[in-house]
Full PDB file with SEQRES, HELIX, SHEET, SSBOND, CRYST1, ORIGX, SCALE, CONECT and MASTER records, all heavy atoms in Angstrom:
SEQRES   1 A   40  CYS ALA MET GLY LEU ALA ALA GLY LEU TRP LEU SER PRO          
SEQRES   2 A   40  GLN ALA ALA PRO ALA VAL MET ASN ILE VAL TYR LEU PRO          
SEQRES   3 A   40  LEU ALA PHE LEU SER GLY LEU TRP ILE PRO LEU MET ALA          
SEQRES   4 A   40  PHE                                                          
HELIX    1 AA1 ALA A    2  TRP A   10  1                                   9    
HELIX    2 AA2 ALA A   15  LEU A   30  1                                  16    
HELIX    3 AA3 LEU A   37  ALA A   39  5                                   3    
CRYST1    1.000    1.000    1.000  90.00  90.00  90.00 P 1           1          
ORIGX1      1.000000  0.000000  0.000000        0.00000                         
ORIGX2      0.000000  1.000000  0.000000        0.00000                         
ORIGX3      0.000000  0.000000  1.000000        0.00000                         
SCALE1      1.000000  0.000000  0.000000        0.00000                         
SCALE2      0.000000  1.000000  0.000000        0.00000                         
SCALE3      0.000000  0.000000  1.000000        0.00000                         
ATOM      1  N   CYS A   1      -9.394  36.625 -16.672  1.00  0.00           N  
ATOM      2  CA  CYS A   1      -9.975  35.697 -17.651  1.00  0.00           C  
ATOM      3  C   CYS A   1      -9.413  34.293 -17.437  1.00  0.00           C  
ATOM      4  O   CYS A   1     -10.148  33.314 -17.475  1.00  0.00           O  
ATOM      5  CB  CYS A   1      -9.678  36.166 -19.078  1.00  0.00           C  
ATOM      6  SG  CYS A   1     -10.530  37.660 -19.588  1.00  0.00           S  
ATOM      7  N   ALA A   2      -8.107  34.208 -17.205  1.00  0.00           N  
ATOM      8  CA  ALA A   2      -7.476  32.905 -16.941  1.00  0.00           C  
ATOM      9  C   ALA A   2      -8.026  32.296 -15.663  1.00  0.00           C  
ATOM     10  O   ALA A   2      -8.306  31.072 -15.602  1.00  0.00           O  
ATOM     11  CB  ALA A   2      -5.973  33.061 -16.857  1.00  0.00           C  
ATOM     12  N   MET A   3      -8.213  33.113 -14.636  1.00  0.00           N  
ATOM     13  CA  MET A   3      -8.781  32.623 -13.397  1.00  0.00           C  
ATOM     14  C   MET A   3     -10.199  32.115 -13.591  1.00  0.00           C  
ATOM     15  O   MET A   3     -10.585  31.045 -13.104  1.00  0.00           O  
ATOM     16  CB  MET A   3      -8.750  33.741 -12.335  1.00  0.00           C  
ATOM     17  CG  MET A   3      -9.232  33.306 -10.942  1.00  0.00           C  
ATOM     18  SD  MET A   3      -9.345  34.696  -9.786  1.00  0.00           S  
ATOM     19  CE  MET A   3      -7.640  35.194  -9.709  1.00  0.00           C  
ATOM     20  N   GLY A   4     -11.004  32.894 -14.327  1.00  0.00           N  
ATOM     21  CA  GLY A   4     -12.381  32.484 -14.578  1.00  0.00           C  
ATOM     22  C   GLY A   4     -12.434  31.224 -15.436  1.00  0.00           C  
ATOM     23  O   GLY A   4     -13.291  30.360 -15.222  1.00  0.00           O  
ATOM     24  N   LEU A   5     -11.538  31.123 -16.416  1.00  0.00           N  
ATOM     25  CA  LEU A   5     -11.493  29.935 -17.260  1.00  0.00           C  
ATOM     26  C   LEU A   5     -11.203  28.687 -16.438  1.00  0.00           C  
ATOM     27  O   LEU A   5     -11.861  27.656 -16.608  1.00  0.00           O  
ATOM     28  CB  LEU A   5     -10.435  30.115 -18.337  1.00  0.00           C  
ATOM     29  CG  LEU A   5     -10.163  28.903 -19.248  1.00  0.00           C  
ATOM     30  CD1 LEU A   5     -11.404  28.528 -20.040  1.00  0.00           C  
ATOM     31  CD2 LEU A   5      -9.003  29.212 -20.191  1.00  0.00           C  
ATOM     32  N   ALA A   6     -10.220  28.791 -15.549  1.00  0.00           N  
ATOM     33  CA  ALA A   6      -9.901  27.650 -14.687  1.00  0.00           C  
ATOM     34  C   ALA A   6     -11.085  27.264 -13.824  1.00  0.00           C  
ATOM     35  O   ALA A   6     -11.417  26.072 -13.691  1.00  0.00           O  
ATOM     36  CB  ALA A   6      -8.685  27.979 -13.816  1.00  0.00           C  
ATOM     37  N   ALA A   7     -11.756  28.259 -13.261  1.00  0.00           N  
ATOM     38  CA  ALA A   7     -12.908  27.976 -12.417  1.00  0.00           C  
ATOM     39  C   ALA A   7     -14.046  27.336 -13.229  1.00  0.00           C  
ATOM     40  O   ALA A   7     -14.677  26.370 -12.785  1.00  0.00           O  
ATOM     41  CB  ALA A   7     -13.401  29.255 -11.738  1.00  0.00           C  
ATOM     42  N   GLY A   8     -14.299  27.886 -14.408  1.00  0.00           N  
ATOM     43  CA  GLY A   8     -15.391  27.365 -15.238  1.00  0.00           C  
ATOM     44  C   GLY A   8     -15.186  25.926 -15.669  1.00  0.00           C  
ATOM     45  O   GLY A   8     -16.146  25.147 -15.788  1.00  0.00           O  
ATOM     46  N   LEU A   9     -13.937  25.534 -15.899  1.00  0.00           N  
ATOM     47  CA  LEU A   9     -13.648  24.178 -16.358  1.00  0.00           C  
ATOM     48  C   LEU A   9     -13.676  23.164 -15.210  1.00  0.00           C  
ATOM     49  O   LEU A   9     -13.843  21.976 -15.429  1.00  0.00           O  
ATOM     50  CB  LEU A   9     -12.295  24.123 -17.043  1.00  0.00           C  
ATOM     51  CG  LEU A   9     -12.247  24.788 -18.432  1.00  0.00           C  
ATOM     52  CD1 LEU A   9     -10.823  24.877 -18.938  1.00  0.00           C  
ATOM     53  CD2 LEU A   9     -13.113  24.011 -19.419  1.00  0.00           C  
ATOM     54  N   TRP A  10     -13.519  23.645 -13.991  1.00  0.00           N  
ATOM     55  CA  TRP A  10     -13.506  22.731 -12.850  1.00  0.00           C  
ATOM     56  C   TRP A  10     -14.834  22.705 -12.082  1.00  0.00           C  
ATOM     57  O   TRP A  10     -15.135  21.730 -11.390  1.00  0.00           O  
ATOM     58  CB  TRP A  10     -12.384  23.111 -11.876  1.00  0.00           C  
ATOM     59  CG  TRP A  10     -11.048  22.615 -12.317  1.00  0.00           C  
ATOM     60  CD1 TRP A  10     -10.104  23.303 -13.027  1.00  0.00           C  
ATOM     61  CD2 TRP A  10     -10.489  21.318 -12.103  1.00  0.00           C  
ATOM     62  NE1 TRP A  10      -8.996  22.533 -13.265  1.00  0.00           N  
ATOM     63  CE2 TRP A  10      -9.206  21.291 -12.693  1.00  0.00           C  
ATOM     64  CE3 TRP A  10     -10.957  20.169 -11.457  1.00  0.00           C  
ATOM     65  CZ2 TRP A  10      -8.396  20.156 -12.670  1.00  0.00           C  
ATOM     66  CZ3 TRP A  10     -10.140  19.044 -11.428  1.00  0.00           C  
ATOM     67  CH2 TRP A  10      -8.881  19.041 -12.034  1.00  0.00           C  
ATOM     68  N   LEU A  11     -15.627  23.782 -12.199  1.00  0.00           N  
ATOM     69  CA  LEU A  11     -16.854  23.873 -11.406  1.00  0.00           C  
ATOM     70  C   LEU A  11     -18.064  23.421 -12.222  1.00  0.00           C  
ATOM     71  O   LEU A  11     -18.066  23.537 -13.461  1.00  0.00           O  
ATOM     72  CB  LEU A  11     -17.076  25.310 -10.921  1.00  0.00           C  
ATOM     73  CG  LEU A  11     -16.016  25.862  -9.954  1.00  0.00           C  
ATOM     74  CD1 LEU A  11     -16.293  27.350  -9.720  1.00  0.00           C  
ATOM     75  CD2 LEU A  11     -16.002  25.095  -8.640  1.00  0.00           C  
ATOM     76  N   SER A  12     -19.084  23.002 -11.538  1.00  0.00           N  
ATOM     77  CA  SER A  12     -20.348  22.657 -12.185  1.00  0.00           C  
ATOM     78  C   SER A  12     -21.148  23.928 -12.453  1.00  0.00           C  
ATOM     79  O   SER A  12     -20.893  24.973 -11.828  1.00  0.00           O  
ATOM     80  CB  SER A  12     -21.172  21.725 -11.297  1.00  0.00           C  
ATOM     81  OG  SER A  12     -21.605  22.412 -10.122  1.00  0.00           O  
ATOM     82  N   PRO A  13     -22.138  23.893 -13.365  1.00  0.00           N  
ATOM     83  CA  PRO A  13     -22.954  25.076 -13.623  1.00  0.00           C  
ATOM     84  C   PRO A  13     -23.690  25.563 -12.365  1.00  0.00           C  
ATOM     85  O   PRO A  13     -23.940  26.765 -12.230  1.00  0.00           O  
ATOM     86  CB  PRO A  13     -23.947  24.605 -14.698  1.00  0.00           C  
ATOM     87  CG  PRO A  13     -23.281  23.446 -15.337  1.00  0.00           C  
ATOM     88  CD  PRO A  13     -22.472  22.772 -14.283  1.00  0.00           C  
ATOM     89  N   GLN A  14     -24.031  24.665 -11.475  1.00  0.00           N  
ATOM     90  CA  GLN A  14     -24.743  25.041 -10.251  1.00  0.00           C  
ATOM     91  C   GLN A  14     -23.814  25.727  -9.250  1.00  0.00           C  
ATOM     92  O   GLN A  14     -24.217  26.654  -8.546  1.00  0.00           O  
ATOM     93  CB  GLN A  14     -25.394  23.820  -9.592  1.00  0.00           C  
ATOM     94  CG  GLN A  14     -26.485  23.152 -10.404  1.00  0.00           C  
ATOM     95  CD  GLN A  14     -25.960  22.333 -11.555  1.00  0.00           C  
ATOM     96  OE1 GLN A  14     -24.793  21.869 -11.527  1.00  0.00           O  
ATOM     97  NE2 GLN A  14     -26.795  22.116 -12.579  1.00  0.00           N  
ATOM     98  N   ALA A  15     -22.565  25.257  -9.182  1.00  0.00           N  
ATOM     99  CA  ALA A  15     -21.629  25.805  -8.200  1.00  0.00           C  
ATOM    100  C   ALA A  15     -20.944  27.083  -8.650  1.00  0.00           C  
ATOM    101  O   ALA A  15     -20.575  27.912  -7.831  1.00  0.00           O  
ATOM    102  CB  ALA A  15     -20.575  24.753  -7.859  1.00  0.00           C  
ATOM    103  N   ALA A  16     -20.789  27.266  -9.970  1.00  0.00           N  
ATOM    104  CA  ALA A  16     -19.986  28.374 -10.482  1.00  0.00           C  
ATOM    105  C   ALA A  16     -20.491  29.757 -10.033  1.00  0.00           C  
ATOM    106  O   ALA A  16     -19.661  30.576  -9.577  1.00  0.00           O  
ATOM    107  CB  ALA A  16     -19.937  28.315 -12.007  1.00  0.00           C  
ATOM    108  N   PRO A  17     -21.808  30.075 -10.114  1.00  0.00           N  
ATOM    109  CA  PRO A  17     -22.213  31.417  -9.695  1.00  0.00           C  
ATOM    110  C   PRO A  17     -21.906  31.707  -8.216  1.00  0.00           C  
ATOM    111  O   PRO A  17     -21.439  32.805  -7.891  1.00  0.00           O  
ATOM    112  CB  PRO A  17     -23.738  31.406  -9.936  1.00  0.00           C  
ATOM    113  CG  PRO A  17     -23.953  30.358 -10.984  1.00  0.00           C  
ATOM    114  CD  PRO A  17     -22.920  29.313 -10.688  1.00  0.00           C  
ATOM    115  N   ALA A  18     -22.159  30.727  -7.352  1.00  0.00           N  
ATOM    116  CA  ALA A  18     -21.886  30.937  -5.925  1.00  0.00           C  
ATOM    117  C   ALA A  18     -20.400  31.132  -5.669  1.00  0.00           C  
ATOM    118  O   ALA A  18     -19.992  32.041  -4.939  1.00  0.00           O  
ATOM    119  CB  ALA A  18     -22.421  29.755  -5.118  1.00  0.00           C  
ATOM    120  N   VAL A  19     -19.573  30.290  -6.286  1.00  0.00           N  
ATOM    121  CA  VAL A  19     -18.123  30.384  -6.057  1.00  0.00           C  
ATOM    122  C   VAL A  19     -17.569  31.690  -6.602  1.00  0.00           C  
ATOM    123  O   VAL A  19     -16.737  32.352  -5.968  1.00  0.00           O  
ATOM    124  CB  VAL A  19     -17.394  29.181  -6.692  1.00  0.00           C  
ATOM    125  CG1 VAL A  19     -15.888  29.350  -6.634  1.00  0.00           C  
ATOM    126  CG2 VAL A  19     -17.816  27.883  -5.994  1.00  0.00           C  
ATOM    127  N   MET A  20     -18.034  32.107  -7.787  1.00  0.00           N  
ATOM    128  CA  MET A  20     -17.541  33.353  -8.357  1.00  0.00           C  
ATOM    129  C   MET A  20     -17.911  34.551  -7.480  1.00  0.00           C  
ATOM    130  O   MET A  20     -17.102  35.481  -7.333  1.00  0.00           O  
ATOM    131  CB  MET A  20     -18.100  33.537  -9.765  1.00  0.00           C  
ATOM    132  CG  MET A  20     -17.495  32.629 -10.820  1.00  0.00           C  
ATOM    133  SD  MET A  20     -15.715  32.905 -11.103  1.00  0.00           S  
ATOM    134  CE  MET A  20     -15.011  31.678 -10.015  1.00  0.00           C  
ATOM    135  N   ASN A  21     -19.091  34.551  -6.900  1.00  0.00           N  
ATOM    136  CA  ASN A  21     -19.467  35.635  -5.999  1.00  0.00           C  
ATOM    137  C   ASN A  21     -18.638  35.608  -4.735  1.00  0.00           C  
ATOM    138  O   ASN A  21     -18.240  36.666  -4.211  1.00  0.00           O  
ATOM    139  CB  ASN A  21     -20.962  35.543  -5.660  1.00  0.00           C  
ATOM    140  CG  ASN A  21     -21.846  36.161  -6.708  1.00  0.00           C  
ATOM    141  OD1 ASN A  21     -21.848  37.355  -6.916  1.00  0.00           O  
ATOM    142  ND2 ASN A  21     -22.585  35.333  -7.411  1.00  0.00           N  
ATOM    143  N   ILE A  22     -18.358  34.404  -4.226  1.00  0.00           N  
ATOM    144  CA  ILE A  22     -17.523  34.292  -3.026  1.00  0.00           C  
ATOM    145  C   ILE A  22     -16.108  34.772  -3.308  1.00  0.00           C  
ATOM    146  O   ILE A  22     -15.470  35.389  -2.446  1.00  0.00           O  
ATOM    147  CB  ILE A  22     -17.522  32.821  -2.529  1.00  0.00           C  
ATOM    148  CG1 ILE A  22     -18.897  32.449  -1.989  1.00  0.00           C  
ATOM    149  CG2 ILE A  22     -16.444  32.608  -1.467  1.00  0.00           C  
ATOM    150  CD1 ILE A  22     -19.022  30.998  -1.626  1.00  0.00           C  
ATOM    151  N   VAL A  23     -15.625  34.543  -4.513  1.00  0.00           N  
ATOM    152  CA  VAL A  23     -14.258  34.956  -4.873  1.00  0.00           C  
ATOM    153  C   VAL A  23     -14.203  36.435  -5.179  1.00  0.00           C  
ATOM    154  O   VAL A  23     -13.292  37.154  -4.720  1.00  0.00           O  
ATOM    155  CB  VAL A  23     -13.761  34.135  -6.082  1.00  0.00           C  
ATOM    156  CG1 VAL A  23     -12.463  34.723  -6.642  1.00  0.00           C  
ATOM    157  CG2 VAL A  23     -13.556  32.675  -5.681  1.00  0.00           C  
ATOM    158  N   TYR A  24     -15.161  36.935  -5.939  1.00  0.00           N  
ATOM    159  CA  TYR A  24     -15.115  38.297  -6.503  1.00  0.00           C  
ATOM    160  C   TYR A  24     -15.015  39.374  -5.433  1.00  0.00           C  
ATOM    161  O   TYR A  24     -14.064  40.172  -5.393  1.00  0.00           O  
ATOM    162  CB  TYR A  24     -16.335  38.482  -7.386  1.00  0.00           C  
ATOM    163  CG  TYR A  24     -16.454  39.834  -8.075  1.00  0.00           C  
ATOM    164  CD1 TYR A  24     -15.349  40.477  -8.595  1.00  0.00           C  
ATOM    165  CD2 TYR A  24     -17.701  40.448  -8.213  1.00  0.00           C  
ATOM    166  CE1 TYR A  24     -15.479  41.695  -9.245  1.00  0.00           C  
ATOM    167  CE2 TYR A  24     -17.832  41.645  -8.860  1.00  0.00           C  
ATOM    168  CZ  TYR A  24     -16.723  42.284  -9.365  1.00  0.00           C  
ATOM    169  OH  TYR A  24     -16.842  43.480 -10.010  1.00  0.00           O  
ATOM    170  N   LEU A  25     -15.999  39.440  -4.561  1.00  0.00           N  
ATOM    171  CA  LEU A  25     -16.067  40.546  -3.607  1.00  0.00           C  
ATOM    172  C   LEU A  25     -14.971  40.466  -2.534  1.00  0.00           C  
ATOM    173  O   LEU A  25     -14.284  41.478  -2.297  1.00  0.00           O  
ATOM    174  CB  LEU A  25     -17.453  40.589  -2.965  1.00  0.00           C  
ATOM    175  CG  LEU A  25     -18.607  40.845  -3.939  1.00  0.00           C  
ATOM    176  CD1 LEU A  25     -19.936  40.894  -3.199  1.00  0.00           C  
ATOM    177  CD2 LEU A  25     -18.387  42.135  -4.709  1.00  0.00           C  
ATOM    178  N   PRO A  26     -14.748  39.312  -1.864  1.00  0.00           N  
ATOM    179  CA  PRO A  26     -13.644  39.283  -0.896  1.00  0.00           C  
ATOM    180  C   PRO A  26     -12.276  39.550  -1.528  1.00  0.00           C  
ATOM    181  O   PRO A  26     -11.424  40.193  -0.914  1.00  0.00           O  
ATOM    182  CB  PRO A  26     -13.730  37.860  -0.321  1.00  0.00           C  
ATOM    183  CG  PRO A  26     -15.147  37.453  -0.509  1.00  0.00           C  
ATOM    184  CD  PRO A  26     -15.538  38.080  -1.823  1.00  0.00           C  
ATOM    185  N   LEU A  27     -12.077  39.056  -2.752  1.00  0.00           N  
ATOM    186  CA  LEU A  27     -10.795  39.290  -3.429  1.00  0.00           C  
ATOM    187  C   LEU A  27     -10.577  40.774  -3.659  1.00  0.00           C  
ATOM    188  O   LEU A  27      -9.461  41.286  -3.474  1.00  0.00           O  
ATOM    189  CB  LEU A  27     -10.774  38.540  -4.762  1.00  0.00           C  
ATOM    190  CG  LEU A  27      -9.446  38.442  -5.498  1.00  0.00           C  
ATOM    191  CD1 LEU A  27      -8.408  37.700  -4.664  1.00  0.00           C  
ATOM    192  CD2 LEU A  27      -9.637  37.747  -6.846  1.00  0.00           C  
ATOM    193  N   ALA A  28     -11.625  41.478  -4.053  1.00  0.00           N  
ATOM    194  CA  ALA A  28     -11.521  42.921  -4.257  1.00  0.00           C  
ATOM    195  C   ALA A  28     -11.250  43.655  -2.951  1.00  0.00           C  
ATOM    196  O   ALA A  28     -10.390  44.546  -2.877  1.00  0.00           O  
ATOM    197  CB  ALA A  28     -12.800  43.460  -4.915  1.00  0.00           C  
ATOM    198  N   PHE A  29     -11.975  43.298  -1.902  1.00  0.00           N  
ATOM    199  CA  PHE A  29     -11.808  43.978  -0.615  1.00  0.00           C  
ATOM    200  C   PHE A  29     -10.427  43.728  -0.042  1.00  0.00           C  
ATOM    201  O   PHE A  29      -9.733  44.665   0.387  1.00  0.00           O  
ATOM    202  CB  PHE A  29     -12.883  43.483   0.362  1.00  0.00           C  
ATOM    203  CG  PHE A  29     -12.747  44.055   1.750  1.00  0.00           C  
ATOM    204  CD1 PHE A  29     -13.108  45.362   2.012  1.00  0.00           C  
ATOM    205  CD2 PHE A  29     -12.202  43.293   2.783  1.00  0.00           C  
ATOM    206  CE1 PHE A  29     -12.949  45.904   3.285  1.00  0.00           C  
ATOM    207  CE2 PHE A  29     -12.051  43.820   4.050  1.00  0.00           C  
ATOM    208  CZ  PHE A  29     -12.433  45.130   4.313  1.00  0.00           C  
ATOM    209  N   LEU A  30      -9.984  42.468  -0.006  1.00  0.00           N  
ATOM    210  CA  LEU A  30      -8.698  42.129   0.606  1.00  0.00           C  
ATOM    211  C   LEU A  30      -7.524  42.671  -0.185  1.00  0.00           C  
ATOM    212  O   LEU A  30      -6.425  42.773   0.346  1.00  0.00           O  
ATOM    213  CB  LEU A  30      -8.586  40.609   0.749  1.00  0.00           C  
ATOM    214  CG  LEU A  30      -9.559  39.965   1.735  1.00  0.00           C  
ATOM    215  CD1 LEU A  30      -9.448  38.442   1.670  1.00  0.00           C  
ATOM    216  CD2 LEU A  30      -9.299  40.455   3.155  1.00  0.00           C  
ATOM    217  N   SER A  31      -7.729  43.000  -1.461  1.00  0.00           N  
ATOM    218  CA  SER A  31      -6.659  43.570  -2.267  1.00  0.00           C  
ATOM    219  C   SER A  31      -6.543  45.091  -2.145  1.00  0.00           C  
ATOM    220  O   SER A  31      -5.692  45.696  -2.774  1.00  0.00           O  
ATOM    221  CB  SER A  31      -6.861  43.205  -3.740  1.00  0.00           C  
ATOM    222  OG  SER A  31      -6.867  41.831  -3.932  1.00  0.00           O  
ATOM    223  N   GLY A  32      -7.418  45.676  -1.314  1.00  0.00           N  
ATOM    224  CA  GLY A  32      -7.357  47.122  -1.107  1.00  0.00           C  
ATOM    225  C   GLY A  32      -7.979  47.947  -2.199  1.00  0.00           C  
ATOM    226  O   GLY A  32      -7.625  49.110  -2.379  1.00  0.00           O  
ATOM    227  N   LEU A  33      -8.956  47.361  -2.930  1.00  0.00           N  
ATOM    228  CA  LEU A  33      -9.596  48.093  -4.017  1.00  0.00           C  
ATOM    229  C   LEU A  33     -10.666  49.050  -3.522  1.00  0.00           C  
ATOM    230  O   LEU A  33     -10.967  50.048  -4.174  1.00  0.00           O  
ATOM    231  CB  LEU A  33     -10.218  47.124  -5.024  1.00  0.00           C  
ATOM    232  CG  LEU A  33      -9.268  46.106  -5.662  1.00  0.00           C  
ATOM    233  CD1 LEU A  33      -9.990  45.307  -6.737  1.00  0.00           C  
ATOM    234  CD2 LEU A  33      -8.026  46.780  -6.238  1.00  0.00           C  
ATOM    235  N   TRP A  34     -11.266  48.770  -2.386  1.00  0.00           N  
ATOM    236  CA  TRP A  34     -12.320  49.622  -1.866  1.00  0.00           C  
ATOM    237  C   TRP A  34     -11.801  50.630  -0.844  1.00  0.00           C  
ATOM    238  O   TRP A  34     -12.283  51.750  -0.765  1.00  0.00           O  
ATOM    239  CB  TRP A  34     -13.422  48.777  -1.202  1.00  0.00           C  
ATOM    240  CG  TRP A  34     -14.106  47.839  -2.148  1.00  0.00           C  
ATOM    241  CD1 TRP A  34     -13.989  47.808  -3.506  1.00  0.00           C  
ATOM    242  CD2 TRP A  34     -15.008  46.791  -1.813  1.00  0.00           C  
ATOM    243  NE1 TRP A  34     -14.760  46.794  -4.025  1.00  0.00           N  
ATOM    244  CE2 TRP A  34     -15.391  46.167  -3.024  1.00  0.00           C  
ATOM    245  CE3 TRP A  34     -15.518  46.305  -0.605  1.00  0.00           C  
ATOM    246  CZ2 TRP A  34     -16.279  45.081  -3.060  1.00  0.00           C  
ATOM    247  CZ3 TRP A  34     -16.408  45.225  -0.644  1.00  0.00           C  
ATOM    248  CH2 TRP A  34     -16.777  44.636  -1.855  1.00  0.00           C  
ATOM    249  N   ILE A  35     -10.863  50.171  -0.034  1.00  0.00           N  
ATOM    250  CA  ILE A  35     -10.285  51.019   1.018  1.00  0.00           C  
ATOM    251  C   ILE A  35      -8.779  50.971   0.854  1.00  0.00           C  
ATOM    252  O   ILE A  35      -8.203  49.893   0.688  1.00  0.00           O  
ATOM    253  CB  ILE A  35     -10.668  50.493   2.416  1.00  0.00           C  
ATOM    254  CG1 ILE A  35     -12.183  50.452   2.575  1.00  0.00           C  
ATOM    255  CG2 ILE A  35     -10.064  51.368   3.513  1.00  0.00           C  
ATOM    256  CD1 ILE A  35     -12.648  49.759   3.840  1.00  0.00           C  
ATOM    257  N   PRO A  36      -8.086  52.130   0.895  1.00  0.00           N  
ATOM    258  CA  PRO A  36      -6.625  52.116   0.771  1.00  0.00           C  
ATOM    259  C   PRO A  36      -5.980  51.184   1.798  1.00  0.00           C  
ATOM    260  O   PRO A  36      -6.411  51.114   2.951  1.00  0.00           O  
ATOM    261  CB  PRO A  36      -6.231  53.566   1.009  1.00  0.00           C  
ATOM    262  CG  PRO A  36      -7.443  54.344   0.586  1.00  0.00           C  
ATOM    263  CD  PRO A  36      -8.628  53.498   0.946  1.00  0.00           C  
ATOM    264  N   LEU A  37      -4.956  50.465   1.378  1.00  0.00           N  
ATOM    265  CA  LEU A  37      -4.352  49.434   2.223  1.00  0.00           C  
ATOM    266  C   LEU A  37      -3.764  49.986   3.523  1.00  0.00           C  
ATOM    267  O   LEU A  37      -3.691  49.265   4.519  1.00  0.00           O  
ATOM    268  CB  LEU A  37      -3.240  48.707   1.442  1.00  0.00           C  
ATOM    269  CG  LEU A  37      -3.675  47.640   0.450  1.00  0.00           C  
ATOM    270  CD1 LEU A  37      -2.470  47.067  -0.276  1.00  0.00           C  
ATOM    271  CD2 LEU A  37      -4.443  46.529   1.150  1.00  0.00           C  
ATOM    272  N   MET A  38      -3.372  51.249   3.537  1.00  0.00           N  
ATOM    273  CA  MET A  38      -2.802  51.796   4.768  1.00  0.00           C  
ATOM    274  C   MET A  38      -3.798  51.834   5.909  1.00  0.00           C  
ATOM    275  O   MET A  38      -3.419  51.956   7.080  1.00  0.00           O  
ATOM    276  CB  MET A  38      -2.218  53.188   4.522  1.00  0.00           C  
ATOM    277  CG  MET A  38      -3.226  54.267   4.221  1.00  0.00           C  
ATOM    278  SD  MET A  38      -3.643  54.329   2.467  1.00  0.00           S  
ATOM    279  CE  MET A  38      -2.118  54.796   1.713  1.00  0.00           C  
ATOM    280  N   ALA A  39      -5.096  51.685   5.596  1.00  0.00           N  
ATOM    281  CA  ALA A  39      -6.117  51.633   6.635  1.00  0.00           C  
ATOM    282  C   ALA A  39      -6.309  50.229   7.190  1.00  0.00           C  
ATOM    283  O   ALA A  39      -7.053  50.036   8.145  1.00  0.00           O  
ATOM    284  CB  ALA A  39      -7.437  52.159   6.081  1.00  0.00           C  
ATOM    285  N   PHE A  40      -5.634  49.229   6.590  1.00  0.00           N  
ATOM    286  CA  PHE A  40      -5.792  47.835   7.008  1.00  0.00           C  
ATOM    287  C   PHE A  40      -4.768  47.482   8.106  1.00  0.00           C  
ATOM    288  O   PHE A  40      -3.713  48.098   8.191  1.00  0.00           O  
ATOM    289  CB  PHE A  40      -5.549  46.900   5.820  1.00  0.00           C  
ATOM    290  CG  PHE A  40      -6.699  46.855   4.827  1.00  0.00           C  
ATOM    291  CD1 PHE A  40      -7.810  47.663   4.966  1.00  0.00           C  
ATOM    292  CD2 PHE A  40      -6.648  45.981   3.762  1.00  0.00           C  
ATOM    293  CE1 PHE A  40      -8.836  47.616   4.056  1.00  0.00           C  
ATOM    294  CE2 PHE A  40      -7.680  45.907   2.842  1.00  0.00           C  
ATOM    295  CZ  PHE A  40      -8.780  46.742   3.000  1.00  0.00           C  
TER     296      PHE A  40                                                      
MASTER        0    0    0    3    0    0    0    6  295    1    0    4          
END                                                                             
């Protein structure tokens, strides 16, 4: 929520959806949420 709040206050309404999608999925993948980290 804090991360999203910071993004929302700094980004324009046009940029926010694209940036959030760019952040959301790679952040989940690189954190090992989809595949256990030992496979990385």
